[in-house]
Amino acid sequence: MPNLVRTKSSVGDFFTYLVIQKKPNIIVEFGTAFGVSGMYFLSGIETNKKGELLTFEVNKNWAELAFKNLEQISKNFKLTVGTFEENIEDCLEKNRLIDIAFIDGIHTKEFVIPQLEIVVKHCNKGALIILDDIDFSENMAECWAEVSMDNRFISSLKLGNRVGVLELK
């Protein structure tokens, strides 16, 4: 249901703020859903007049709707119908690294940890990695507790009970 995948405007505003402050070249998002979070990322890209959003959604119907929504904000995105894991190598051009990543796919430790490993491998130093729904379940709370203490990250921030932000060393 749409209410289960909706981003609150205050969280979205935070995403836009991060983009404006960080001025990323590449933002990667997976779990596009209807494109709401992506629209906030694109708003920051448009403000900066710089950057590109690479977004991944496995649900074809949601991806079609997301494309229309994202297109209303900016043309600086590439939406891939498929998984991040199977498509990131083809979508991320040689020598381009991620500056901001948003992990919003399947909210279990078993999925998030391997996804985080792939993201870290493709990140610039100082990249921001955002995890959504860190309070989704006891399993996700355990996942957040583990990754927020990982020594590869210089800092971690818990935004309310839903969003976690990691800063790569």
N, C-alpha and C. Protein backbone atom coordinates (compact mmCIF):
# COMPACT_ATOMS: atom_id res chain seq x y z
N MET A 1 0.84 -1.19 0.00
CA MET A 1 0.00 0.00 0.00
C MET A 1 0.89 1.26 0.00
N PRO A 2 0.44 2.33 -0.67
CA PRO A 2 1.24 3.54 -0.72
C PRO A 2 1.64 4.09 0.64
N ASN A 3 0.77 4.01 1.64
CA ASN A 3 1.11 4.54 2.95
C ASN A 3 2.30 3.84 3.58
N LEU A 4 2.57 2.61 3.18
CA LEU A 4 3.69 1.86 3.76
C LEU A 4 5.03 2.22 3.14
N VAL A 5 5.03 2.89 1.99
CA VAL A 5 6.29 3.24 1.32
C VAL A 5 6.46 4.75 1.16
N ARG A 6 5.65 5.51 1.84
CA ARG A 6 5.68 6.96 1.71
C ARG A 6 6.76 7.55 2.60
N THR A 7 7.47 8.55 2.07
CA THR A 7 8.46 9.29 2.83
C THR A 7 7.80 10.54 3.41
N LYS A 8 7.95 10.77 4.70
CA LYS A 8 7.42 11.99 5.32
C LYS A 8 8.15 13.18 4.73
N SER A 9 7.46 14.30 4.61
CA SER A 9 8.07 15.48 4.00
C SER A 9 9.28 15.97 4.80
N SER A 10 9.28 15.83 6.11
CA SER A 10 10.43 16.28 6.90
C SER A 10 11.67 15.43 6.58
N VAL A 11 11.47 14.13 6.37
CA VAL A 11 12.59 13.26 5.99
C VAL A 11 13.03 13.61 4.57
N GLY A 12 12.09 13.81 3.68
CA GLY A 12 12.42 14.21 2.31
C GLY A 12 13.18 15.52 2.27
N ASP A 13 12.75 16.48 3.06
CA ASP A 13 13.46 17.76 3.14
C ASP A 13 14.90 17.55 3.61
N PHE A 14 15.08 16.61 4.54
CA PHE A 14 16.43 16.29 5.01
C PHE A 14 17.27 15.71 3.86
N PHE A 15 16.67 14.85 3.04
CA PHE A 15 17.39 14.29 1.89
C PHE A 15 17.82 15.41 0.94
N THR A 16 16.91 16.33 0.65
CA THR A 16 17.25 17.46 -0.22
C THR A 16 18.38 18.28 0.39
N TYR A 17 18.29 18.55 1.69
CA TYR A 17 19.33 19.31 2.39
C TYR A 17 20.69 18.62 2.26
N LEU A 18 20.73 17.29 2.47
CA LEU A 18 21.99 16.56 2.34
C LEU A 18 22.60 16.73 0.95
N VAL A 19 21.75 16.65 -0.07
CA VAL A 19 22.23 16.79 -1.45
C VAL A 19 22.77 18.20 -1.68
N ILE A 20 22.04 19.20 -1.22
CA ILE A 20 22.49 20.59 -1.42
C ILE A 20 23.83 20.82 -0.72
N GLN A 21 23.99 20.29 0.49
CA GLN A 21 25.22 20.49 1.24
C GLN A 21 26.39 19.68 0.68
N LYS A 22 26.14 18.43 0.31
CA LYS A 22 27.21 17.51 -0.12
C LYS A 22 27.61 17.72 -1.59
N LYS A 23 26.67 18.20 -2.40
CA LYS A 23 26.90 18.41 -3.84
C LYS A 23 27.44 17.15 -4.52
N PRO A 24 26.71 16.04 -4.41
CA PRO A 24 27.20 14.77 -4.96
C PRO A 24 27.15 14.73 -6.49
N ASN A 25 28.06 13.96 -7.04
CA ASN A 25 27.99 13.66 -8.48
C ASN A 25 27.05 12.49 -8.72
N ILE A 26 27.10 11.48 -7.85
CA ILE A 26 26.28 10.28 -8.01
C ILE A 26 25.53 9.97 -6.72
N ILE A 27 24.22 9.84 -6.86
CA ILE A 27 23.36 9.35 -5.79
C ILE A 27 22.77 8.03 -6.29
N VAL A 28 22.82 7.02 -5.45
CA VAL A 28 22.23 5.73 -5.79
C VAL A 28 21.11 5.45 -4.79
N GLU A 29 19.98 5.03 -5.33
CA GLU A 29 18.83 4.68 -4.51
C GLU A 29 18.30 3.34 -4.98
N PHE A 30 18.01 2.45 -4.05
CA PHE A 30 17.30 1.25 -4.47
C PHE A 30 16.16 0.98 -3.53
N GLY A 31 15.05 0.58 -4.19
CA GLY A 31 13.76 0.57 -3.54
C GLY A 31 13.05 1.85 -3.93
N THR A 32 13.00 2.15 -5.21
CA THR A 32 12.44 3.39 -5.72
C THR A 32 10.97 3.56 -5.33
N ALA A 33 10.23 2.45 -5.33
CA ALA A 33 8.78 2.47 -5.09
C ALA A 33 8.14 3.45 -6.07
N PHE A 34 7.45 4.47 -5.57
CA PHE A 34 6.74 5.41 -6.44
C PHE A 34 7.57 6.65 -6.78
N GLY A 35 8.81 6.70 -6.28
CA GLY A 35 9.71 7.77 -6.64
C GLY A 35 9.72 8.96 -5.70
N VAL A 36 9.05 8.87 -4.56
CA VAL A 36 8.95 10.03 -3.68
C VAL A 36 10.31 10.44 -3.13
N SER A 37 11.06 9.51 -2.56
CA SER A 37 12.39 9.86 -2.04
C SER A 37 13.27 10.38 -3.16
N GLY A 38 13.20 9.73 -4.31
CA GLY A 38 13.98 10.16 -5.45
C GLY A 38 13.67 11.58 -5.88
N MET A 39 12.41 11.98 -5.74
CA MET A 39 12.03 13.34 -6.09
C MET A 39 12.74 14.35 -5.17
N TYR A 40 12.87 14.00 -3.90
CA TYR A 40 13.59 14.89 -2.98
C TYR A 40 15.08 14.94 -3.33
N PHE A 41 15.67 13.79 -3.66
CA PHE A 41 17.08 13.79 -4.08
C PHE A 41 17.25 14.64 -5.35
N LEU A 42 16.34 14.48 -6.29
CA LEU A 42 16.42 15.24 -7.54
C LEU A 42 16.22 16.74 -7.31
N SER A 43 15.42 17.10 -6.34
CA SER A 43 15.25 18.51 -6.01
C SER A 43 16.58 19.14 -5.61
N GLY A 44 17.36 18.41 -4.82
CA GLY A 44 18.69 18.90 -4.45
C GLY A 44 19.63 18.97 -5.64
N ILE A 45 19.55 17.97 -6.51
CA ILE A 45 20.36 17.96 -7.73
C ILE A 45 20.02 19.17 -8.59
N GLU A 46 18.75 19.46 -8.73
CA GLU A 46 18.33 20.63 -9.53
C GLU A 46 18.80 21.93 -8.90
N THR A 47 18.72 22.03 -7.59
CA THR A 47 19.19 23.24 -6.90
C THR A 47 20.68 23.44 -7.15
N ASN A 48 21.44 22.35 -7.09
CA ASN A 48 22.90 22.41 -7.29
C ASN A 48 23.29 22.56 -8.75
N LYS A 49 22.36 22.22 -9.66
CA LYS A 49 22.68 22.17 -11.10
C LYS A 49 23.83 21.20 -11.35
N LYS A 50 23.81 20.11 -10.56
CA LYS A 50 24.90 19.13 -10.64
C LYS A 50 24.43 17.82 -10.04
N GLY A 51 24.85 16.71 -10.65
CA GLY A 51 24.59 15.39 -10.08
C GLY A 51 23.64 14.55 -10.90
N GLU A 52 23.60 13.27 -10.53
CA GLU A 52 22.73 12.31 -11.21
C GLU A 52 22.25 11.28 -10.18
N LEU A 53 21.00 10.89 -10.32
CA LEU A 53 20.40 9.86 -9.48
C LEU A 53 20.30 8.57 -10.28
N LEU A 54 20.88 7.50 -9.74
CA LEU A 54 20.71 6.16 -10.29
C LEU A 54 19.77 5.44 -9.34
N THR A 55 18.61 5.03 -9.84
CA THR A 55 17.61 4.44 -8.96
C THR A 55 17.15 3.10 -9.52
N PHE A 56 16.84 2.17 -8.62
CA PHE A 56 16.54 0.78 -8.99
C PHE A 56 15.24 0.34 -8.34
N GLU A 57 14.36 -0.25 -9.17
CA GLU A 57 13.08 -0.76 -8.67
C GLU A 57 12.77 -2.07 -9.38
N VAL A 58 12.45 -3.11 -8.63
CA VAL A 58 12.16 -4.41 -9.23
C VAL A 58 10.72 -4.55 -9.72
N ASN A 59 9.81 -3.77 -9.15
CA ASN A 59 8.40 -3.84 -9.54
C ASN A 59 8.17 -2.96 -10.77
N LYS A 60 7.90 -3.58 -11.91
CA LYS A 60 7.77 -2.85 -13.17
C LYS A 60 6.67 -1.79 -13.12
N ASN A 61 5.53 -2.12 -12.52
CA ASN A 61 4.43 -1.16 -12.44
C ASN A 61 4.80 0.05 -11.58
N TRP A 62 5.46 -0.21 -10.46
CA TRP A 62 5.90 0.90 -9.62
C TRP A 62 6.95 1.73 -10.36
N ALA A 63 7.84 1.08 -11.08
CA ALA A 63 8.89 1.78 -11.80
C ALA A 63 8.30 2.72 -12.85
N GLU A 64 7.25 2.29 -13.53
CA GLU A 64 6.61 3.15 -14.54
C GLU A 64 6.03 4.40 -13.89
N LEU A 65 5.38 4.23 -12.76
CA LEU A 65 4.82 5.37 -12.04
C LEU A 65 5.94 6.25 -11.50
N ALA A 66 6.96 5.64 -10.95
CA ALA A 66 8.10 6.40 -10.41
C ALA A 66 8.76 7.23 -11.51
N PHE A 67 8.93 6.65 -12.69
CA PHE A 67 9.56 7.39 -13.79
C PHE A 67 8.79 8.68 -14.08
N LYS A 68 7.48 8.58 -14.15
CA LYS A 68 6.65 9.78 -14.40
C LYS A 68 6.81 10.80 -13.29
N ASN A 69 6.86 10.34 -12.04
CA ASN A 69 7.02 11.26 -10.92
C ASN A 69 8.39 11.92 -10.93
N LEU A 70 9.44 11.14 -11.13
CA LEU A 70 10.80 11.68 -11.14
C LEU A 70 11.00 12.67 -12.27
N GLU A 71 10.43 12.35 -13.40
CA GLU A 71 10.56 13.19 -14.59
C GLU A 71 9.97 14.59 -14.38
N GLN A 72 9.03 14.71 -13.44
CA GLN A 72 8.43 16.01 -13.15
C GLN A 72 9.42 16.94 -12.45
N ILE A 73 10.44 16.36 -11.82
CA ILE A 73 11.40 17.15 -11.07
C ILE A 73 12.67 17.42 -11.87
N SER A 74 13.16 16.41 -12.59
CA SER A 74 14.44 16.54 -13.28
C SER A 74 14.60 15.42 -14.30
N LYS A 75 15.47 15.64 -15.24
CA LYS A 75 15.85 14.61 -16.21
C LYS A 75 17.16 13.94 -15.81
N ASN A 76 17.75 14.38 -14.69
CA ASN A 76 19.07 13.89 -14.26
C ASN A 76 18.98 12.61 -13.44
N PHE A 77 18.34 11.61 -14.02
CA PHE A 77 18.23 10.32 -13.34
C PHE A 77 18.19 9.21 -14.37
N LYS A 78 18.54 8.03 -13.89
CA LYS A 78 18.40 6.81 -14.68
C LYS A 78 17.69 5.80 -13.79
N LEU A 79 16.51 5.37 -14.19
CA LEU A 79 15.75 4.38 -13.44
C LEU A 79 15.94 3.03 -14.11
N THR A 80 16.40 2.07 -13.34
CA THR A 80 16.60 0.71 -13.83
C THR A 80 15.54 -0.19 -13.21
N VAL A 81 14.84 -0.94 -14.08
CA VAL A 81 13.90 -1.94 -13.59
C VAL A 81 14.70 -3.21 -13.35
N GLY A 82 14.94 -3.49 -12.09
CA GLY A 82 15.76 -4.63 -11.70
C GLY A 82 16.42 -4.35 -10.38
N THR A 83 17.18 -5.32 -9.91
CA THR A 83 17.83 -5.16 -8.61
C THR A 83 19.10 -4.34 -8.72
N PHE A 84 19.41 -3.67 -7.64
CA PHE A 84 20.66 -2.94 -7.51
C PHE A 84 21.84 -3.89 -7.68
N GLU A 85 21.77 -5.02 -6.99
CA GLU A 85 22.88 -5.97 -6.98
C GLU A 85 23.23 -6.46 -8.38
N GLU A 86 22.23 -6.72 -9.19
CA GLU A 86 22.47 -7.27 -10.53
C GLU A 86 22.80 -6.20 -11.56
N ASN A 87 22.56 -4.94 -11.26
CA ASN A 87 22.67 -3.89 -12.28
C ASN A 87 23.65 -2.77 -11.99
N ILE A 88 24.16 -2.67 -10.77
CA ILE A 88 25.01 -1.53 -10.44
C ILE A 88 26.27 -1.48 -11.30
N GLU A 89 26.88 -2.60 -11.59
CA GLU A 89 28.11 -2.61 -12.38
C GLU A 89 27.87 -2.02 -13.78
N ASP A 90 26.71 -2.30 -14.37
CA ASP A 90 26.40 -1.78 -15.70
C ASP A 90 26.00 -0.30 -15.66
N CYS A 91 25.41 0.14 -14.56
CA CYS A 91 24.90 1.51 -14.47
C CYS A 91 25.94 2.52 -14.01
N LEU A 92 26.91 2.06 -13.24
CA LEU A 92 27.92 2.96 -12.70
C LEU A 92 29.13 2.94 -13.64
N GLU A 93 29.27 4.00 -14.38
CA GLU A 93 30.34 4.06 -15.36
C GLU A 93 31.71 3.97 -14.68
N LYS A 94 32.68 3.50 -15.45
CA LYS A 94 34.03 3.31 -14.94
C LYS A 94 34.55 4.59 -14.27
N ASN A 95 35.20 4.42 -13.15
CA ASN A 95 35.80 5.51 -12.38
C ASN A 95 34.80 6.47 -11.76
N ARG A 96 33.50 6.16 -11.79
CA ARG A 96 32.51 6.99 -11.11
C ARG A 96 32.13 6.29 -9.81
N LEU A 97 32.14 7.03 -8.74
CA LEU A 97 31.85 6.47 -7.43
C LEU A 97 30.64 7.16 -6.80
N ILE A 98 30.01 6.47 -5.89
CA ILE A 98 28.81 6.95 -5.22
C ILE A 98 29.19 7.94 -4.12
N ASP A 99 28.43 9.04 -4.05
CA ASP A 99 28.61 10.04 -3.00
C ASP A 99 27.53 9.94 -1.93
N ILE A 100 26.32 9.57 -2.35
CA ILE A 100 25.21 9.33 -1.43
C ILE A 100 24.48 8.08 -1.90
N ALA A 101 24.19 7.18 -0.96
CA ALA A 101 23.42 5.97 -1.28
C ALA A 101 22.24 5.88 -0.33
N PHE A 102 21.12 5.43 -0.87
CA PHE A 102 19.91 5.24 -0.08
C PHE A 102 19.47 3.79 -0.22
N ILE A 103 19.61 3.03 0.86
CA ILE A 103 19.24 1.61 0.88
C ILE A 103 17.83 1.49 1.43
N ASP A 104 16.90 1.17 0.52
CA ASP A 104 15.48 1.14 0.89
C ASP A 104 14.79 -0.01 0.16
N GLY A 105 15.40 -1.19 0.21
CA GLY A 105 14.83 -2.35 -0.46
C GLY A 105 14.12 -3.25 0.53
N ILE A 106 14.59 -4.45 0.64
CA ILE A 106 14.02 -5.42 1.58
C ILE A 106 14.65 -5.18 2.94
N HIS A 107 13.83 -4.92 3.93
CA HIS A 107 14.28 -4.47 5.24
C HIS A 107 14.56 -5.62 6.20
N THR A 108 15.61 -6.37 5.86
CA THR A 108 16.11 -7.41 6.76
C THR A 108 17.63 -7.35 6.76
N LYS A 109 18.21 -7.74 7.86
CA LYS A 109 19.66 -7.75 7.99
C LYS A 109 20.30 -8.61 6.90
N GLU A 110 19.64 -9.72 6.56
CA GLU A 110 20.17 -10.65 5.55
C GLU A 110 20.29 -10.00 4.17
N PHE A 111 19.45 -9.02 3.87
CA PHE A 111 19.55 -8.30 2.60
C PHE A 111 20.40 -7.05 2.74
N VAL A 112 20.22 -6.30 3.81
CA VAL A 112 20.87 -5.00 3.96
C VAL A 112 22.39 -5.13 4.08
N ILE A 113 22.89 -6.06 4.86
CA ILE A 113 24.34 -6.18 5.04
C ILE A 113 25.06 -6.45 3.71
N PRO A 114 24.62 -7.44 2.90
CA PRO A 114 25.29 -7.63 1.61
C PRO A 114 25.15 -6.42 0.68
N GLN A 115 23.99 -5.75 0.72
CA GLN A 115 23.82 -4.55 -0.10
C GLN A 115 24.77 -3.46 0.35
N LEU A 116 24.91 -3.30 1.66
CA LEU A 116 25.83 -2.30 2.20
C LEU A 116 27.26 -2.58 1.75
N GLU A 117 27.64 -3.84 1.72
CA GLU A 117 29.00 -4.21 1.27
C GLU A 117 29.23 -3.79 -0.17
N ILE A 118 28.24 -4.00 -1.03
CA ILE A 118 28.36 -3.59 -2.43
C ILE A 118 28.45 -2.08 -2.53
N VAL A 119 27.60 -1.38 -1.79
CA VAL A 119 27.61 0.08 -1.81
C VAL A 119 28.98 0.61 -1.38
N VAL A 120 29.49 0.14 -0.25
CA VAL A 120 30.78 0.62 0.26
C VAL A 120 31.89 0.43 -0.78
N LYS A 121 31.85 -0.68 -1.47
CA LYS A 121 32.86 -0.98 -2.50
C LYS A 121 32.86 0.07 -3.62
N HIS A 122 31.71 0.70 -3.84
CA HIS A 122 31.56 1.66 -4.95
C HIS A 122 31.48 3.12 -4.49
N CYS A 123 31.86 3.40 -3.24
CA CYS A 123 31.71 4.75 -2.69
C CYS A 123 33.01 5.54 -2.68
N ASN A 124 32.86 6.85 -2.79
CA ASN A 124 33.95 7.77 -2.51
C ASN A 124 34.18 7.84 -1.02
N LYS A 125 35.37 8.24 -0.61
CA LYS A 125 35.62 8.52 0.81
C LYS A 125 34.66 9.63 1.23
N GLY A 126 34.14 9.51 2.44
CA GLY A 126 33.23 10.52 2.95
C GLY A 126 31.80 10.40 2.44
N ALA A 127 31.52 9.34 1.70
CA ALA A 127 30.16 9.14 1.19
C ALA A 127 29.18 8.97 2.34
N LEU A 128 27.94 9.36 2.07
CA LEU A 128 26.86 9.16 3.03
C LEU A 128 26.02 7.98 2.57
N ILE A 129 25.71 7.09 3.50
CA ILE A 129 24.88 5.93 3.21
C ILE A 129 23.68 5.99 4.14
N ILE A 130 22.50 6.06 3.55
CA ILE A 130 21.26 6.20 4.29
C ILE A 130 20.52 4.87 4.26
N LEU A 131 20.10 4.42 5.43
CA LEU A 131 19.28 3.21 5.53
C LEU A 131 17.88 3.61 5.99
N ASP A 132 16.88 3.14 5.27
CA ASP A 132 15.51 3.44 5.64
C ASP A 132 14.93 2.30 6.47
N ASP A 133 13.95 2.65 7.25
CA ASP A 133 13.19 1.67 8.04
C ASP A 133 14.05 0.87 9.01
N ILE A 134 14.95 1.56 9.70
CA ILE A 134 15.81 0.88 10.66
C ILE A 134 15.02 0.37 11.87
N ASP A 135 13.79 0.81 12.01
CA ASP A 135 12.93 0.33 13.09
C ASP A 135 11.83 -0.61 12.58
N PHE A 136 11.98 -1.07 11.34
CA PHE A 136 10.96 -1.90 10.69
C PHE A 136 10.66 -3.18 11.48
N SER A 137 11.70 -3.72 12.08
CA SER A 137 11.55 -4.96 12.84
C SER A 137 12.72 -5.07 13.82
N GLU A 138 12.64 -6.05 14.70
CA GLU A 138 13.74 -6.30 15.63
C GLU A 138 15.01 -6.64 14.84
N ASN A 139 14.84 -7.36 13.75
CA ASN A 139 15.95 -7.74 12.88
C ASN A 139 16.65 -6.51 12.31
N MET A 140 15.86 -5.51 11.87
CA MET A 140 16.45 -4.29 11.31
C MET A 140 17.09 -3.44 12.40
N ALA A 141 16.49 -3.42 13.59
CA ALA A 141 17.09 -2.68 14.70
C ALA A 141 18.46 -3.28 15.03
N GLU A 142 18.55 -4.60 14.99
CA GLU A 142 19.81 -5.30 15.22
C GLU A 142 20.82 -4.96 14.12
N CYS A 143 20.35 -4.90 12.90
CA CYS A 143 21.19 -4.54 11.76
C CYS A 143 21.77 -3.14 11.95
N TRP A 144 20.89 -2.18 12.31
CA TRP A 144 21.35 -0.81 12.51
C TRP A 144 22.36 -0.74 13.65
N ALA A 145 22.08 -1.43 14.75
CA ALA A 145 23.01 -1.43 15.87
C ALA A 145 24.40 -1.91 15.44
N GLU A 146 24.42 -2.91 14.59
CA GLU A 146 25.69 -3.45 14.11
C GLU A 146 26.41 -2.48 13.17
N VAL A 147 25.72 -1.98 12.16
CA VAL A 147 26.40 -1.14 11.16
C VAL A 147 26.74 0.24 11.71
N SER A 148 25.95 0.73 12.65
CA SER A 148 26.23 2.07 13.20
C SER A 148 27.52 2.08 14.03
N MET A 149 27.99 0.90 14.43
CA MET A 149 29.22 0.80 15.20
C MET A 149 30.40 0.29 14.36
N ASP A 150 30.17 0.05 13.08
CA ASP A 150 31.21 -0.45 12.18
C ASP A 150 32.32 0.58 12.06
N ASN A 151 33.57 0.17 12.23
CA ASN A 151 34.68 1.12 12.24
C ASN A 151 35.04 1.67 10.85
N ARG A 152 34.35 1.24 9.81
CA ARG A 152 34.56 1.84 8.48
C ARG A 152 33.87 3.19 8.37
N PHE A 153 33.00 3.48 9.34
CA PHE A 153 32.24 4.72 9.30
C PHE A 153 32.74 5.67 10.38
N ILE A 154 32.91 6.92 9.98
CA ILE A 154 33.41 7.92 10.91
C ILE A 154 32.30 8.42 11.83
N SER A 155 31.06 8.31 11.36
CA SER A 155 29.94 8.74 12.19
C SER A 155 28.66 8.04 11.75
N SER A 156 27.71 8.03 12.66
CA SER A 156 26.38 7.51 12.35
C SER A 156 25.36 8.41 13.03
N LEU A 157 24.22 8.54 12.40
CA LEU A 157 23.15 9.40 12.89
C LEU A 157 21.84 8.67 12.75
N LYS A 158 21.06 8.68 13.80
CA LYS A 158 19.73 8.10 13.75
C LYS A 158 18.74 9.25 13.71
N LEU A 159 18.00 9.34 12.63
CA LEU A 159 17.02 10.41 12.44
C LEU A 159 15.65 9.87 12.84
N GLY A 160 15.20 10.26 14.02
CA GLY A 160 13.97 9.69 14.55
C GLY A 160 14.17 8.21 14.78
N ASN A 161 13.15 7.44 14.52
CA ASN A 161 13.26 5.99 14.66
C ASN A 161 13.26 5.28 13.32
N ARG A 162 13.32 6.02 12.24
CA ARG A 162 13.15 5.40 10.93
C ARG A 162 14.40 5.40 10.06
N VAL A 163 15.18 6.45 10.09
CA VAL A 163 16.28 6.61 9.14
C VAL A 163 17.62 6.63 9.86
N GLY A 164 18.58 5.90 9.30
CA GLY A 164 19.95 5.92 9.80
C GLY A 164 20.89 6.43 8.72
N VAL A 165 21.85 7.26 9.10
CA VAL A 165 22.82 7.80 8.15
C VAL A 165 24.22 7.43 8.63
N LEU A 166 25.01 6.90 7.72
CA LEU A 166 26.39 6.52 7.98
C LEU A 166 27.31 7.38 7.12
N GLU A 167 28.43 7.80 7.68
CA GLU A 167 29.42 8.55 6.90
C GLU A 167 30.68 7.70 6.79
N LEU A 168 31.03 7.37 5.57
CA LEU A 168 32.19 6.52 5.30
C LEU A 168 33.48 7.30 5.55
N LYS A 169 34.46 6.62 6.19
CA LYS A 169 35.77 7.25 6.44
C LYS A 169 36.43 7.57 5.12
